[in-house]
Amino acid sequence: WQKRRVVMLRLLIIFFFSFFILSANADNKEKIINNLKNTSNLSFKFEQNINGKIESGNCTIEYPKKMHCSYEKNNKVLVSNGKSFVIKTLSSYYRYPLEKTPLNLILDKNFLINKIHSLEERIIDNSYISYSIIENENKINVFFDIITLDLIGWQTKDIYQNTSLTLLGSISKNQKNEKKIFRLPIQN
């Protein structure tokens, strides 16, 4: 009888522990989803690491699928108008269909919301919540701050199959932006 009581008590503790962990994870997930739903745009500073080469600058994302980034060095600009994606420097100009890049998925908050609903979260260093998305031969890890639940970065493979990690800081949400910043730059 005593052994059964101990086993029952252990099972009860495990049940409640599991319930609270699942409940906390579901709570994070719902808060992240609500935060995304209430975000129409983000402005932020970024640091991007592509195979050890680090670049930084400022970016604005406007949902759905628009982005403008100015890099601090070499006058590099990255722009998405929702359909095309351009990388322009003083000496080069590259234009790609947005749908052929992982940014097509990252810049689509409805896609992120739908995916997060069905994904397991990972807590990293008690500071970040991460979700891994696999879609159209792309693997994307998206990161959210555990306190603010804001999008704070992503990891992908770029168009040349280099690992690219982008981290966001100094985030402002729902600011008024001029629409012209999302116009594709003219080729030199």
N, C-alpha and C. Protein backbone atom coordinates (compact mmCIF):
# COMPACT_ATOMS: atom_id res chain seq x y z
N TRP A 1 0.81 -1.18 0.00
CA TRP A 1 0.00 0.00 0.00
C TRP A 1 0.87 1.27 0.00
N GLN A 2 1.90 1.26 0.80
CA GLN A 2 2.80 2.41 0.88
C GLN A 2 3.49 2.67 -0.47
N LYS A 3 3.90 1.59 -1.15
CA LYS A 3 4.57 1.73 -2.45
C LYS A 3 3.62 2.34 -3.47
N ARG A 4 2.37 1.92 -3.45
CA ARG A 4 1.39 2.47 -4.39
C ARG A 4 1.17 3.96 -4.15
N ARG A 5 1.14 4.36 -2.89
CA ARG A 5 0.98 5.78 -2.56
C ARG A 5 2.13 6.61 -3.11
N VAL A 6 3.35 6.09 -2.95
CA VAL A 6 4.55 6.78 -3.44
C VAL A 6 4.49 6.88 -4.97
N VAL A 7 4.12 5.78 -5.63
CA VAL A 7 4.02 5.79 -7.09
C VAL A 7 2.94 6.78 -7.54
N MET A 8 1.80 6.77 -6.90
CA MET A 8 0.71 7.69 -7.24
C MET A 8 1.13 9.14 -7.02
N LEU A 9 1.83 9.38 -5.93
CA LEU A 9 2.29 10.73 -5.64
C LEU A 9 3.28 11.19 -6.72
N ARG A 10 4.20 10.32 -7.12
CA ARG A 10 5.16 10.65 -8.18
C ARG A 10 4.44 10.93 -9.50
N LEU A 11 3.49 10.09 -9.85
CA LEU A 11 2.73 10.31 -11.08
C LEU A 11 1.97 11.64 -11.03
N LEU A 12 1.41 11.95 -9.89
CA LEU A 12 0.68 13.21 -9.73
C LEU A 12 1.63 14.40 -9.89
N ILE A 13 2.80 14.32 -9.29
CA ILE A 13 3.80 15.39 -9.41
C ILE A 13 4.24 15.54 -10.86
N ILE A 14 4.50 14.43 -11.53
CA ILE A 14 4.90 14.47 -12.93
C ILE A 14 3.80 15.08 -13.78
N PHE A 15 2.55 14.70 -13.52
CA PHE A 15 1.43 15.24 -14.28
C PHE A 15 1.35 16.77 -14.13
N PHE A 16 1.39 17.25 -12.89
CA PHE A 16 1.29 18.69 -12.66
C PHE A 16 2.49 19.43 -13.23
N PHE A 17 3.67 18.87 -13.09
CA PHE A 17 4.87 19.49 -13.65
C PHE A 17 4.75 19.59 -15.17
N SER A 18 4.35 18.51 -15.81
CA SER A 18 4.17 18.50 -17.26
C SER A 18 3.09 19.49 -17.68
N PHE A 19 2.01 19.53 -16.94
CA PHE A 19 0.92 20.44 -17.25
C PHE A 19 1.38 21.89 -17.20
N PHE A 20 2.14 22.25 -16.17
CA PHE A 20 2.60 23.64 -16.04
C PHE A 20 3.63 23.99 -17.10
N ILE A 21 4.50 23.06 -17.47
CA ILE A 21 5.47 23.33 -18.52
C ILE A 21 4.76 23.51 -19.86
N LEU A 22 3.85 22.62 -20.19
CA LEU A 22 3.10 22.75 -21.44
C LEU A 22 2.26 24.02 -21.45
N SER A 23 1.70 24.34 -20.31
CA SER A 23 0.90 25.55 -20.20
C SER A 23 1.77 26.79 -20.40
N ALA A 24 2.96 26.81 -19.81
CA ALA A 24 3.86 27.95 -19.97
C ALA A 24 4.30 28.07 -21.42
N ASN A 25 4.62 26.94 -22.08
CA ASN A 25 5.02 26.97 -23.48
C ASN A 25 3.88 27.48 -24.35
N ALA A 26 2.67 27.00 -24.09
CA ALA A 26 1.51 27.46 -24.86
C ALA A 26 1.28 28.94 -24.61
N ASP A 27 1.52 29.39 -23.38
CA ASP A 27 1.36 30.79 -23.04
C ASP A 27 2.35 31.65 -23.82
N ASN A 28 3.63 31.23 -23.86
CA ASN A 28 4.63 31.95 -24.66
C ASN A 28 4.21 32.01 -26.12
N LYS A 29 3.80 30.88 -26.64
CA LYS A 29 3.42 30.78 -28.04
C LYS A 29 2.28 31.74 -28.36
N GLU A 30 1.25 31.75 -27.54
CA GLU A 30 0.11 32.64 -27.78
C GLU A 30 0.50 34.10 -27.65
N LYS A 31 1.38 34.41 -26.70
CA LYS A 31 1.82 35.80 -26.54
C LYS A 31 2.67 36.24 -27.74
N ILE A 32 3.53 35.36 -28.24
CA ILE A 32 4.32 35.69 -29.42
C ILE A 32 3.41 35.90 -30.62
N ILE A 33 2.43 35.03 -30.79
CA ILE A 33 1.49 35.15 -31.90
C ILE A 33 0.71 36.46 -31.81
N ASN A 34 0.21 36.79 -30.61
CA ASN A 34 -0.52 38.06 -30.44
C ASN A 34 0.38 39.26 -30.70
N ASN A 35 1.63 39.17 -30.25
CA ASN A 35 2.59 40.25 -30.48
C ASN A 35 2.81 40.44 -31.98
N LEU A 36 2.98 39.34 -32.72
CA LEU A 36 3.15 39.44 -34.17
C LEU A 36 1.90 40.02 -34.84
N LYS A 37 0.73 39.57 -34.40
CA LYS A 37 -0.52 40.08 -34.99
C LYS A 37 -0.65 41.58 -34.81
N ASN A 38 -0.13 42.10 -33.69
CA ASN A 38 -0.25 43.52 -33.39
C ASN A 38 0.91 44.36 -33.91
N THR A 39 1.79 43.75 -34.69
CA THR A 39 2.94 44.46 -35.23
C THR A 39 2.75 44.66 -36.73
N SER A 40 2.73 45.92 -37.15
CA SER A 40 2.63 46.21 -38.58
C SER A 40 4.00 46.47 -39.19
N ASN A 41 4.95 46.94 -38.35
CA ASN A 41 6.30 47.16 -38.84
C ASN A 41 7.30 47.16 -37.68
N LEU A 42 8.55 46.97 -38.02
CA LEU A 42 9.66 46.98 -37.06
C LEU A 42 10.79 47.83 -37.63
N SER A 43 11.42 48.61 -36.80
CA SER A 43 12.66 49.29 -37.15
C SER A 43 13.69 48.87 -36.12
N PHE A 44 14.92 48.61 -36.57
CA PHE A 44 15.91 48.06 -35.64
C PHE A 44 17.32 48.23 -36.18
N LYS A 45 18.28 48.10 -35.28
CA LYS A 45 19.68 47.96 -35.67
C LYS A 45 19.91 46.47 -35.79
N PHE A 46 20.82 46.08 -36.67
CA PHE A 46 21.08 44.66 -36.84
C PHE A 46 22.57 44.39 -36.92
N GLU A 47 22.90 43.15 -36.58
CA GLU A 47 24.23 42.62 -36.81
C GLU A 47 24.04 41.31 -37.55
N GLN A 48 24.72 41.17 -38.67
CA GLN A 48 24.57 39.98 -39.51
C GLN A 48 25.93 39.30 -39.62
N ASN A 49 25.92 38.00 -39.36
CA ASN A 49 27.14 37.20 -39.44
C ASN A 49 26.92 36.15 -40.52
N ILE A 50 27.67 36.28 -41.62
CA ILE A 50 27.60 35.30 -42.70
C ILE A 50 28.97 34.63 -42.78
N ASN A 51 29.02 33.39 -42.30
CA ASN A 51 30.27 32.62 -42.28
C ASN A 51 31.43 33.41 -41.68
N GLY A 52 31.19 34.09 -40.57
CA GLY A 52 32.25 34.81 -39.87
C GLY A 52 32.44 36.24 -40.31
N LYS A 53 31.84 36.65 -41.42
CA LYS A 53 31.93 38.04 -41.87
C LYS A 53 30.77 38.80 -41.24
N ILE A 54 31.11 39.80 -40.41
CA ILE A 54 30.09 40.51 -39.66
C ILE A 54 29.85 41.89 -40.28
N GLU A 55 28.57 42.19 -40.52
CA GLU A 55 28.16 43.49 -41.01
C GLU A 55 27.03 43.99 -40.11
N SER A 56 26.84 45.30 -40.08
CA SER A 56 25.78 45.86 -39.25
C SER A 56 25.15 47.05 -39.95
N GLY A 57 24.01 47.47 -39.42
CA GLY A 57 23.31 48.60 -40.01
C GLY A 57 21.95 48.79 -39.38
N ASN A 58 21.06 49.42 -40.13
CA ASN A 58 19.70 49.70 -39.68
C ASN A 58 18.71 49.14 -40.70
N CYS A 59 17.59 48.68 -40.19
CA CYS A 59 16.57 48.06 -41.05
C CYS A 59 15.17 48.49 -40.63
N THR A 60 14.29 48.42 -41.60
CA THR A 60 12.86 48.57 -41.35
C THR A 60 12.16 47.45 -42.10
N ILE A 61 11.29 46.75 -41.39
CA ILE A 61 10.42 45.73 -41.98
C ILE A 61 9.00 46.25 -41.90
N GLU A 62 8.28 46.15 -43.00
CA GLU A 62 6.86 46.46 -42.99
C GLU A 62 6.13 45.23 -43.53
N TYR A 63 5.24 44.70 -42.72
CA TYR A 63 4.50 43.52 -43.14
C TYR A 63 3.39 43.93 -44.08
N PRO A 64 3.13 43.15 -45.12
CA PRO A 64 3.81 41.92 -45.50
C PRO A 64 4.96 42.14 -46.49
N LYS A 65 6.08 41.54 -46.19
CA LYS A 65 7.18 41.28 -47.11
C LYS A 65 7.97 42.49 -47.61
N LYS A 66 7.92 43.60 -46.91
CA LYS A 66 8.72 44.74 -47.33
C LYS A 66 9.85 44.95 -46.33
N MET A 67 11.01 45.35 -46.88
CA MET A 67 12.18 45.54 -46.03
C MET A 67 13.12 46.55 -46.68
N HIS A 68 13.73 47.36 -45.84
CA HIS A 68 14.78 48.27 -46.29
C HIS A 68 15.89 48.25 -45.24
N CYS A 69 17.12 47.90 -45.67
CA CYS A 69 18.26 47.85 -44.77
C CYS A 69 19.40 48.66 -45.36
N SER A 70 20.00 49.48 -44.53
CA SER A 70 21.19 50.24 -44.91
C SER A 70 22.34 49.74 -44.05
N TYR A 71 23.39 49.29 -44.71
CA TYR A 71 24.56 48.78 -44.01
C TYR A 71 25.49 49.94 -43.68
N GLU A 72 26.22 49.82 -42.57
CA GLU A 72 27.11 50.89 -42.13
C GLU A 72 28.31 51.06 -43.04
N LYS A 73 28.78 49.99 -43.63
CA LYS A 73 29.96 50.06 -44.48
C LYS A 73 29.58 49.82 -45.94
N ASN A 74 30.41 50.21 -46.83
CA ASN A 74 30.36 50.02 -48.29
C ASN A 74 29.03 50.42 -48.95
N ASN A 75 28.30 51.33 -48.36
CA ASN A 75 27.06 51.86 -48.96
C ASN A 75 26.13 50.76 -49.48
N LYS A 76 26.11 49.65 -48.80
CA LYS A 76 25.26 48.53 -49.20
C LYS A 76 23.82 48.79 -48.74
N VAL A 77 22.88 48.51 -49.65
CA VAL A 77 21.46 48.65 -49.35
C VAL A 77 20.77 47.36 -49.77
N LEU A 78 19.83 46.91 -48.96
CA LEU A 78 19.03 45.73 -49.25
C LEU A 78 17.57 46.19 -49.21
N VAL A 79 16.81 45.91 -50.26
CA VAL A 79 15.42 46.37 -50.32
C VAL A 79 14.53 45.25 -50.86
N SER A 80 13.39 45.08 -50.20
CA SER A 80 12.33 44.21 -50.72
C SER A 80 11.07 45.05 -50.85
N ASN A 81 10.45 44.99 -52.02
CA ASN A 81 9.18 45.70 -52.22
C ASN A 81 7.98 44.75 -52.09
N GLY A 82 8.26 43.54 -51.63
CA GLY A 82 7.20 42.54 -51.48
C GLY A 82 7.20 41.50 -52.58
N LYS A 83 7.86 41.82 -53.70
CA LYS A 83 7.92 40.88 -54.83
C LYS A 83 9.36 40.59 -55.23
N SER A 84 10.18 41.63 -55.25
CA SER A 84 11.59 41.48 -55.62
C SER A 84 12.47 41.87 -54.45
N PHE A 85 13.69 41.39 -54.53
CA PHE A 85 14.67 41.59 -53.48
C PHE A 85 15.95 42.09 -54.16
N VAL A 86 16.46 43.26 -53.74
CA VAL A 86 17.64 43.86 -54.37
C VAL A 86 18.72 44.07 -53.32
N ILE A 87 19.95 43.72 -53.71
CA ILE A 87 21.14 44.06 -52.93
C ILE A 87 21.97 44.98 -53.82
N LYS A 88 22.22 46.20 -53.34
CA LYS A 88 22.96 47.17 -54.14
C LYS A 88 24.13 47.72 -53.33
N THR A 89 25.31 47.76 -53.97
CA THR A 89 26.49 48.44 -53.42
C THR A 89 26.94 49.45 -54.46
N LEU A 90 28.04 50.12 -54.20
CA LEU A 90 28.57 51.08 -55.17
C LEU A 90 28.93 50.41 -56.49
N SER A 91 29.38 49.15 -56.41
CA SER A 91 29.88 48.49 -57.62
C SER A 91 29.01 47.33 -58.11
N SER A 92 27.95 46.98 -57.40
CA SER A 92 27.16 45.82 -57.83
C SER A 92 25.67 46.04 -57.59
N TYR A 93 24.88 45.26 -58.31
CA TYR A 93 23.43 45.32 -58.22
C TYR A 93 22.90 43.92 -58.49
N TYR A 94 22.23 43.33 -57.50
CA TYR A 94 21.66 41.99 -57.65
C TYR A 94 20.16 42.07 -57.37
N ARG A 95 19.39 41.49 -58.26
CA ARG A 95 17.93 41.45 -58.09
C ARG A 95 17.47 40.01 -58.17
N TYR A 96 16.64 39.61 -57.20
CA TYR A 96 16.13 38.24 -57.13
C TYR A 96 14.62 38.28 -56.91
N PRO A 97 13.92 37.26 -57.36
CA PRO A 97 12.52 37.14 -56.95
C PRO A 97 12.50 36.85 -55.45
N LEU A 98 11.73 37.60 -54.69
CA LEU A 98 11.68 37.42 -53.23
C LEU A 98 11.30 36.00 -52.86
N GLU A 99 10.41 35.39 -53.64
CA GLU A 99 9.95 34.03 -53.33
C GLU A 99 11.06 32.99 -53.38
N LYS A 100 12.19 33.32 -53.98
CA LYS A 100 13.32 32.38 -54.06
C LYS A 100 14.27 32.52 -52.87
N THR A 101 13.94 33.41 -51.92
CA THR A 101 14.83 33.63 -50.77
C THR A 101 14.10 33.28 -49.47
N PRO A 102 14.85 32.95 -48.41
CA PRO A 102 14.23 32.70 -47.11
C PRO A 102 13.53 33.93 -46.54
N LEU A 103 13.94 35.13 -46.98
CA LEU A 103 13.28 36.35 -46.50
C LEU A 103 11.80 36.37 -46.87
N ASN A 104 11.44 35.72 -47.94
CA ASN A 104 10.03 35.63 -48.33
C ASN A 104 9.19 35.08 -47.18
N LEU A 105 9.74 34.15 -46.43
CA LEU A 105 9.02 33.54 -45.31
C LEU A 105 9.16 34.38 -44.04
N ILE A 106 10.35 34.90 -43.79
CA ILE A 106 10.59 35.70 -42.59
C ILE A 106 9.77 36.98 -42.61
N LEU A 107 9.60 37.57 -43.76
CA LEU A 107 8.87 38.84 -43.89
C LEU A 107 7.35 38.65 -43.99
N ASP A 108 6.90 37.43 -43.89
CA ASP A 108 5.46 37.12 -43.96
C ASP A 108 4.99 36.72 -42.56
N LYS A 109 4.48 37.69 -41.81
CA LYS A 109 4.11 37.40 -40.42
C LYS A 109 2.97 36.39 -40.33
N ASN A 110 2.07 36.35 -41.31
CA ASN A 110 1.00 35.34 -41.26
C ASN A 110 1.57 33.94 -41.41
N PHE A 111 2.57 33.79 -42.26
CA PHE A 111 3.26 32.50 -42.38
C PHE A 111 3.89 32.13 -41.04
N LEU A 112 4.60 33.08 -40.41
CA LEU A 112 5.24 32.80 -39.12
C LEU A 112 4.21 32.40 -38.07
N ILE A 113 3.12 33.14 -38.02
CA ILE A 113 2.06 32.84 -37.04
C ILE A 113 1.52 31.44 -37.25
N ASN A 114 1.21 31.09 -38.50
CA ASN A 114 0.68 29.75 -38.78
C ASN A 114 1.67 28.65 -38.42
N LYS A 115 2.96 28.88 -38.69
CA LYS A 115 3.97 27.88 -38.37
C LYS A 115 4.17 27.75 -36.86
N ILE A 116 4.23 28.87 -36.16
CA ILE A 116 4.47 28.84 -34.72
C ILE A 116 3.38 28.06 -34.01
N HIS A 117 2.15 28.15 -34.50
CA HIS A 117 1.05 27.40 -33.89
C HIS A 117 1.39 25.92 -33.75
N SER A 118 2.09 25.36 -34.73
CA SER A 118 2.30 23.90 -34.74
C SER A 118 3.72 23.49 -34.36
N LEU A 119 4.58 24.43 -34.00
CA LEU A 119 5.98 24.09 -33.71
C LEU A 119 6.26 24.01 -32.21
N GLU A 120 7.27 23.24 -31.89
CA GLU A 120 7.76 23.18 -30.51
C GLU A 120 8.75 24.30 -30.31
N GLU A 121 8.67 24.95 -29.17
CA GLU A 121 9.63 26.00 -28.88
C GLU A 121 10.83 25.44 -28.14
N ARG A 122 11.95 26.13 -28.32
CA ARG A 122 13.15 25.82 -27.54
C ARG A 122 13.53 27.08 -26.78
N ILE A 123 13.85 26.91 -25.52
CA ILE A 123 14.32 28.02 -24.70
C ILE A 123 15.85 27.96 -24.72
N ILE A 124 16.48 29.09 -25.07
CA ILE A 124 17.93 29.14 -25.16
C ILE A 124 18.45 30.10 -24.09
N ASP A 125 19.29 29.58 -23.20
CA ASP A 125 19.93 30.37 -22.15
C ASP A 125 18.94 31.18 -21.31
N ASN A 126 17.74 30.69 -21.15
CA ASN A 126 16.69 31.41 -20.42
C ASN A 126 16.52 32.85 -20.90
N SER A 127 16.89 33.12 -22.15
CA SER A 127 16.79 34.46 -22.70
C SER A 127 16.02 34.53 -24.00
N TYR A 128 16.02 33.44 -24.77
CA TYR A 128 15.44 33.44 -26.10
C TYR A 128 14.51 32.25 -26.29
N ILE A 129 13.52 32.46 -27.11
CA ILE A 129 12.63 31.39 -27.54
C ILE A 129 12.89 31.19 -29.03
N SER A 130 13.12 29.96 -29.42
CA SER A 130 13.47 29.67 -30.81
C SER A 130 12.47 28.68 -31.40
N TYR A 131 12.16 28.89 -32.68
CA TYR A 131 11.35 27.95 -33.45
C TYR A 131 12.11 27.63 -34.72
N SER A 132 12.13 26.36 -35.09
CA SER A 132 12.77 25.93 -36.34
C SER A 132 11.70 25.62 -37.37
N ILE A 133 11.81 26.27 -38.51
CA ILE A 133 10.84 26.12 -39.60
C ILE A 133 11.56 25.50 -40.79
N ILE A 134 10.96 24.47 -41.35
CA ILE A 134 11.47 23.89 -42.58
C ILE A 134 10.37 24.04 -43.63
N GLU A 135 10.71 24.75 -44.70
CA GLU A 135 9.72 25.05 -45.74
C GLU A 135 10.44 25.25 -47.06
N ASN A 136 9.97 24.60 -48.11
CA ASN A 136 10.54 24.77 -49.46
C ASN A 136 12.06 24.65 -49.47
N GLU A 137 12.57 23.63 -48.84
CA GLU A 137 14.01 23.37 -48.77
C GLU A 137 14.79 24.44 -48.01
N ASN A 138 14.09 25.28 -47.28
CA ASN A 138 14.72 26.28 -46.42
C ASN A 138 14.55 25.86 -44.97
N LYS A 139 15.62 25.96 -44.19
CA LYS A 139 15.51 25.81 -42.74
C LYS A 139 15.76 27.17 -42.14
N ILE A 140 14.80 27.63 -41.38
CA ILE A 140 14.86 28.95 -40.76
C ILE A 140 14.66 28.79 -39.27
N ASN A 141 15.59 29.33 -38.50
CA ASN A 141 15.41 29.42 -37.05
C ASN A 141 15.05 30.86 -36.74
N VAL A 142 13.92 31.08 -36.09
CA VAL A 142 13.53 32.43 -35.69
C VAL A 142 13.64 32.52 -34.17
N PHE A 143 14.07 33.70 -33.70
CA PHE A 143 14.33 33.90 -32.29
C PHE A 143 13.48 35.05 -31.76
N PHE A 144 12.94 34.85 -30.56
CA PHE A 144 12.13 35.86 -29.89
C PHE A 144 12.71 36.09 -28.50
N ASP A 145 12.65 37.32 -28.03
CA ASP A 145 13.10 37.65 -26.67
C ASP A 145 12.12 37.03 -25.68
N ILE A 146 12.64 36.39 -24.64
CA ILE A 146 11.77 35.68 -23.70
C ILE A 146 10.94 36.64 -22.84
N ILE A 147 11.40 37.90 -22.72
CA ILE A 147 10.66 38.87 -21.89
C ILE A 147 9.70 39.69 -22.74
N THR A 148 10.20 40.33 -23.80
CA THR A 148 9.34 41.19 -24.62
C THR A 148 8.55 40.40 -25.66
N LEU A 149 9.02 39.20 -25.98
CA LEU A 149 8.44 38.32 -27.00
C LEU A 149 8.53 38.92 -28.40
N ASP A 150 9.42 39.90 -28.57
CA ASP A 150 9.67 40.50 -29.89
C ASP A 150 10.58 39.59 -30.71
N LEU A 151 10.40 39.64 -32.01
CA LEU A 151 11.32 38.99 -32.94
C LEU A 151 12.68 39.65 -32.76
N ILE A 152 13.72 38.83 -32.49
CA ILE A 152 15.06 39.41 -32.27
C ILE A 152 16.11 38.80 -33.18
N GLY A 153 15.69 37.96 -34.13
CA GLY A 153 16.66 37.45 -35.07
C GLY A 153 16.21 36.22 -35.80
N TRP A 154 17.07 35.81 -36.76
CA TRP A 154 16.81 34.60 -37.53
C TRP A 154 18.13 34.06 -38.06
N GLN A 155 18.10 32.78 -38.35
CA GLN A 155 19.25 32.10 -38.94
C GLN A 155 18.76 31.33 -40.16
N THR A 156 19.46 31.52 -41.29
CA THR A 156 19.07 30.87 -42.54
C THR A 156 20.31 30.49 -43.32
N LYS A 157 20.08 29.94 -44.48
CA LYS A 157 21.13 29.81 -45.49
C LYS A 157 20.80 30.87 -46.54
N ASP A 158 21.80 31.65 -46.94
CA ASP A 158 21.53 32.67 -47.94
C ASP A 158 21.47 32.05 -49.34
N ILE A 159 21.31 32.89 -50.34
CA ILE A 159 21.14 32.38 -51.70
C ILE A 159 22.36 31.62 -52.21
N TYR A 160 23.50 31.81 -51.54
CA TYR A 160 24.73 31.10 -51.92
C TYR A 160 25.01 29.92 -50.98
N GLN A 161 24.02 29.58 -50.15
CA GLN A 161 24.10 28.47 -49.18
C GLN A 161 25.09 28.74 -48.04
N ASN A 162 25.35 30.01 -47.75
CA ASN A 162 26.13 30.38 -46.58
C ASN A 162 25.20 30.51 -45.38
N THR A 163 25.66 30.09 -44.21
CA THR A 163 24.87 30.28 -43.00
C THR A 163 24.87 31.75 -42.64
N SER A 164 23.68 32.29 -42.45
CA SER A 164 23.50 33.70 -42.15
C SER A 164 22.72 33.85 -40.85
N LEU A 165 23.32 34.52 -39.86
CA LEU A 165 22.66 34.80 -38.58
C LEU A 165 22.46 36.29 -38.47
N THR A 166 21.23 36.73 -38.31
CA THR A 166 20.90 38.14 -38.17
C THR A 166 20.28 38.36 -36.80
N LEU A 167 20.88 39.28 -36.02
CA LEU A 167 20.38 39.60 -34.69
C LEU A 167 19.90 41.05 -34.67
N LEU A 168 18.76 41.28 -34.03
CA LEU A 168 18.13 42.60 -34.00
C LEU A 168 18.30 43.23 -32.62
N GLY A 169 18.46 44.54 -32.60
CA GLY A 169 18.54 45.30 -31.36
C GLY A 169 17.89 46.66 -31.53
N SER A 170 17.67 47.36 -30.42
CA SER A 170 17.04 48.69 -30.44
C SER A 170 15.78 48.68 -31.29
N ILE A 171 14.88 47.78 -30.98
CA ILE A 171 13.68 47.55 -31.79
C ILE A 171 12.59 48.57 -31.46
N SER A 172 12.02 49.17 -32.51
CA SER A 172 10.84 50.03 -32.40
C SER A 172 9.75 49.40 -33.25
N LYS A 173 8.53 49.41 -32.73
CA LYS A 173 7.42 48.80 -33.46
C LYS A 173 6.38 49.85 -33.82
N ASN A 174 5.72 49.57 -34.95
CA ASN A 174 4.56 50.33 -35.39
C ASN A 174 4.83 51.83 -35.50
N GLN A 175 5.96 52.16 -36.12
CA GLN A 175 6.33 53.55 -36.39
C GLN A 175 5.81 53.95 -37.76
N LYS A 176 5.65 55.23 -37.97
CA LYS A 176 5.23 55.71 -39.29
C LYS A 176 6.45 55.73 -40.20
N ASN A 177 6.35 55.08 -41.35
CA ASN A 177 7.45 55.00 -42.32
C ASN A 177 7.00 55.57 -43.65
N GLU A 178 7.96 56.16 -44.35
CA GLU A 178 7.67 56.63 -45.69
C GLU A 178 7.67 55.43 -46.63
N LYS A 179 6.65 55.31 -47.45
CA LYS A 179 6.51 54.17 -48.37
C LYS A 179 7.62 54.11 -49.41
N LYS A 180 8.23 55.25 -49.72
CA LYS A 180 9.24 55.27 -50.77
C LYS A 180 10.50 54.50 -50.39
N ILE A 181 10.72 54.24 -49.11
CA ILE A 181 11.93 53.49 -48.74
C ILE A 181 11.88 52.05 -49.25
N PHE A 182 10.69 51.56 -49.61
CA PHE A 182 10.54 50.20 -50.10
C PHE A 182 10.55 50.12 -51.64
N ARG A 183 10.83 51.24 -52.29
CA ARG A 183 11.00 51.22 -53.75
C ARG A 183 12.37 50.63 -54.05
N LEU A 184 12.41 49.80 -55.05
CA LEU A 184 13.69 49.17 -55.42
C LEU A 184 14.64 50.23 -55.94
N PRO A 185 15.91 50.17 -55.51
CA PRO A 185 16.87 51.15 -56.03
C PRO A 185 17.14 50.91 -57.51
N ILE A 186 17.55 51.96 -58.17
CA ILE A 186 17.84 51.90 -59.61
C ILE A 186 19.23 51.33 -59.80
N GLN A 187 19.36 50.51 -60.82
CA GLN A 187 20.66 49.90 -61.13
C GLN A 187 21.61 50.97 -61.65
N ASN A 188 22.88 50.88 -61.25
CA ASN A 188 23.91 51.85 -61.68
C ASN A 188 24.11 51.82 -63.17
